[in-house]
Structure formats: C-alpha cells, structure tokens
Amino acid sequence: MRQEIPICPLISAGNTQEIVCAQEHCAWYMKSYKMCAVYILAHNALLDIKQKQG
C-alpha cells in the first residue's frame, strides 16, 4: 500500500498545478501530526463553527 504525499495548500493556492507538500522541509509541516499546520487550523476552525451552531 503506497502512502500518498498530500498537496500543499499554501503553495498550490492560485496555481494551475497542485504542488505536493515538502513535509519535513516545510516550516508549516507538523511532524508529530504528519500534516500541514494549515489543515490543522482549518479543522479546528470547522469544529469551532460546528460547536457554535449547535
């Protein structure tokens, strides 16, 4: 089973081509979570919105 490298949301924004995450070489990469900090921020914001709506 091959593990896919995620798309970088910061560098890919506004580009016609999606750019893969540089992982450990990126300042926004959270090694302990194995994902980009932008995804973590977005996920937490979504949970906060859902909590306020409920």
N, C-alpha and C. Protein backbone atom coordinates (compact mmCIF):
# COMPACT_ATOMS: atom_id res chain seq x y z
N MET A 1 0.84 -1.18 0.00
CA MET A 1 0.00 0.00 0.00
C MET A 1 0.88 1.24 0.00
N ARG A 2 0.70 2.09 -0.98
CA ARG A 2 1.51 3.30 -1.12
C ARG A 2 0.86 4.47 -0.39
N GLN A 3 1.66 5.19 0.38
CA GLN A 3 1.14 6.35 1.10
C GLN A 3 1.30 7.58 0.23
N GLU A 4 0.21 8.30 0.00
CA GLU A 4 0.22 9.48 -0.85
C GLU A 4 0.80 10.69 -0.10
N ILE A 5 1.58 11.49 -0.80
CA ILE A 5 2.09 12.74 -0.24
C ILE A 5 0.99 13.79 -0.44
N PRO A 6 0.60 14.49 0.61
CA PRO A 6 -0.50 15.45 0.49
C PRO A 6 -0.12 16.67 -0.34
N ILE A 7 -1.14 17.35 -0.87
CA ILE A 7 -0.96 18.58 -1.63
C ILE A 7 -0.73 19.73 -0.66
N CYS A 8 0.19 20.63 -0.98
CA CYS A 8 0.44 21.80 -0.14
C CYS A 8 -0.61 22.87 -0.43
N PRO A 9 -1.40 23.24 0.58
CA PRO A 9 -2.44 24.24 0.35
C PRO A 9 -1.89 25.66 0.17
N LEU A 10 -0.72 25.92 0.73
CA LEU A 10 -0.15 27.27 0.65
C LEU A 10 0.46 27.56 -0.71
N ILE A 11 1.28 26.65 -1.21
CA ILE A 11 1.96 26.87 -2.48
C ILE A 11 1.01 26.60 -3.66
N SER A 12 0.05 25.71 -3.48
CA SER A 12 -0.87 25.36 -4.56
C SER A 12 -1.94 26.43 -4.80
N ALA A 13 -2.20 27.25 -3.82
CA ALA A 13 -3.25 28.27 -3.96
C ALA A 13 -2.92 29.23 -5.10
N GLY A 14 -3.84 29.36 -6.03
CA GLY A 14 -3.68 30.28 -7.14
C GLY A 14 -2.90 29.72 -8.31
N ASN A 15 -2.33 28.53 -8.18
CA ASN A 15 -1.59 27.89 -9.27
C ASN A 15 -2.50 26.96 -10.06
N THR A 16 -2.16 26.75 -11.30
CA THR A 16 -2.93 25.81 -12.12
C THR A 16 -2.54 24.37 -11.83
N GLN A 17 -1.34 24.16 -11.29
CA GLN A 17 -0.87 22.83 -10.92
C GLN A 17 -0.81 22.70 -9.41
N GLU A 18 -1.23 21.55 -8.92
CA GLU A 18 -1.11 21.29 -7.48
C GLU A 18 0.32 20.90 -7.15
N ILE A 19 0.83 21.39 -6.04
CA ILE A 19 2.21 21.12 -5.63
C ILE A 19 2.16 20.30 -4.35
N VAL A 20 2.95 19.23 -4.32
CA VAL A 20 2.94 18.34 -3.16
C VAL A 20 3.65 19.00 -1.97
N CYS A 21 3.27 18.55 -0.80
CA CYS A 21 3.85 19.04 0.44
C CYS A 21 5.31 18.61 0.54
N ALA A 22 6.17 19.51 1.00
CA ALA A 22 7.59 19.20 1.18
C ALA A 22 7.83 18.47 2.51
N GLN A 23 6.78 18.24 3.25
CA GLN A 23 6.79 17.55 4.53
C GLN A 23 7.84 18.13 5.48
N GLU A 24 8.82 17.37 5.93
CA GLU A 24 9.77 17.85 6.94
C GLU A 24 10.57 19.08 6.50
N HIS A 25 10.60 19.35 5.21
CA HIS A 25 11.35 20.50 4.70
C HIS A 25 10.50 21.78 4.68
N CYS A 26 9.28 21.70 5.14
CA CYS A 26 8.37 22.85 5.15
C CYS A 26 8.20 23.38 6.57
N ALA A 27 8.21 24.70 6.70
CA ALA A 27 8.06 25.33 8.01
C ALA A 27 6.67 25.10 8.60
N TRP A 28 5.67 24.83 7.76
CA TRP A 28 4.28 24.64 8.21
C TRP A 28 3.96 23.18 8.51
N TYR A 29 4.91 22.28 8.27
CA TYR A 29 4.65 20.85 8.47
C TYR A 29 4.79 20.49 9.94
N MET A 30 3.77 19.83 10.48
CA MET A 30 3.78 19.39 11.87
C MET A 30 4.14 17.90 11.88
N LYS A 31 5.40 17.61 12.19
CA LYS A 31 5.90 16.24 12.12
C LYS A 31 5.14 15.29 13.04
N SER A 32 4.78 15.74 14.22
CA SER A 32 4.08 14.88 15.17
C SER A 32 2.68 14.49 14.69
N TYR A 33 2.05 15.36 13.87
CA TYR A 33 0.72 15.07 13.31
C TYR A 33 0.81 14.52 11.90
N LYS A 34 1.99 14.61 11.28
CA LYS A 34 2.22 14.20 9.90
C LYS A 34 1.28 14.91 8.93
N MET A 35 1.11 16.23 9.13
CA MET A 35 0.29 17.03 8.23
C MET A 35 0.64 18.50 8.34
N CYS A 36 0.13 19.27 7.41
CA CYS A 36 0.38 20.70 7.35
C CYS A 36 -0.40 21.43 8.44
N ALA A 37 0.21 22.43 9.02
CA ALA A 37 -0.45 23.22 10.07
C ALA A 37 -1.70 23.91 9.56
N VAL A 38 -1.74 24.23 8.26
CA VAL A 38 -2.92 24.88 7.68
C VAL A 38 -4.13 23.96 7.78
N TYR A 39 -3.92 22.67 7.52
CA TYR A 39 -5.02 21.71 7.65
C TYR A 39 -5.50 21.63 9.10
N ILE A 40 -4.57 21.66 10.04
CA ILE A 40 -4.93 21.60 11.46
C ILE A 40 -5.72 22.84 11.85
N LEU A 41 -5.28 24.02 11.41
CA LEU A 41 -6.01 25.26 11.71
C LEU A 41 -7.41 25.22 11.11
N ALA A 42 -7.53 24.77 9.88
CA ALA A 42 -8.83 24.71 9.22
C ALA A 42 -9.76 23.72 9.93
N HIS A 43 -9.22 22.58 10.31
CA HIS A 43 -10.02 21.57 11.01
C HIS A 43 -10.53 22.11 12.36
N ASN A 44 -9.65 22.76 13.11
CA ASN A 44 -10.05 23.34 14.40
C ASN A 44 -11.08 24.44 14.22
N ALA A 45 -10.94 25.25 13.18
CA ALA A 45 -11.93 26.31 12.90
C ALA A 45 -13.28 25.71 12.56
N LEU A 46 -13.28 24.63 11.78
CA LEU A 46 -14.53 23.96 11.43
C LEU A 46 -15.22 23.38 12.66
N LEU A 47 -14.45 22.77 13.55
CA LEU A 47 -15.02 22.24 14.79
C LEU A 47 -15.59 23.35 15.65
N ASP A 48 -14.91 24.48 15.69
CA ASP A 48 -15.39 25.63 16.46
C ASP A 48 -16.70 26.17 15.90
N ILE A 49 -16.79 26.25 14.58
CA ILE A 49 -18.04 26.72 13.94
C ILE A 49 -19.19 25.77 14.23
N LYS A 50 -18.92 24.46 14.11
CA LYS A 50 -19.97 23.47 14.38
C LYS A 50 -20.44 23.54 15.83
N GLN A 51 -19.50 23.77 16.74
CA GLN A 51 -19.86 23.87 18.16
C GLN A 51 -20.74 25.09 18.41
N LYS A 52 -20.43 26.21 17.77
CA LYS A 52 -21.22 27.43 17.95
C LYS A 52 -22.59 27.31 17.34
N GLN A 53 -22.74 26.53 16.26
CA GLN A 53 -24.03 26.34 15.63
C GLN A 53 -24.93 25.41 16.44
N GLY A 54 -24.32 24.50 17.17
CA GLY A 54 -25.09 23.50 17.93
C GLY A 54 -25.53 24.05 19.23
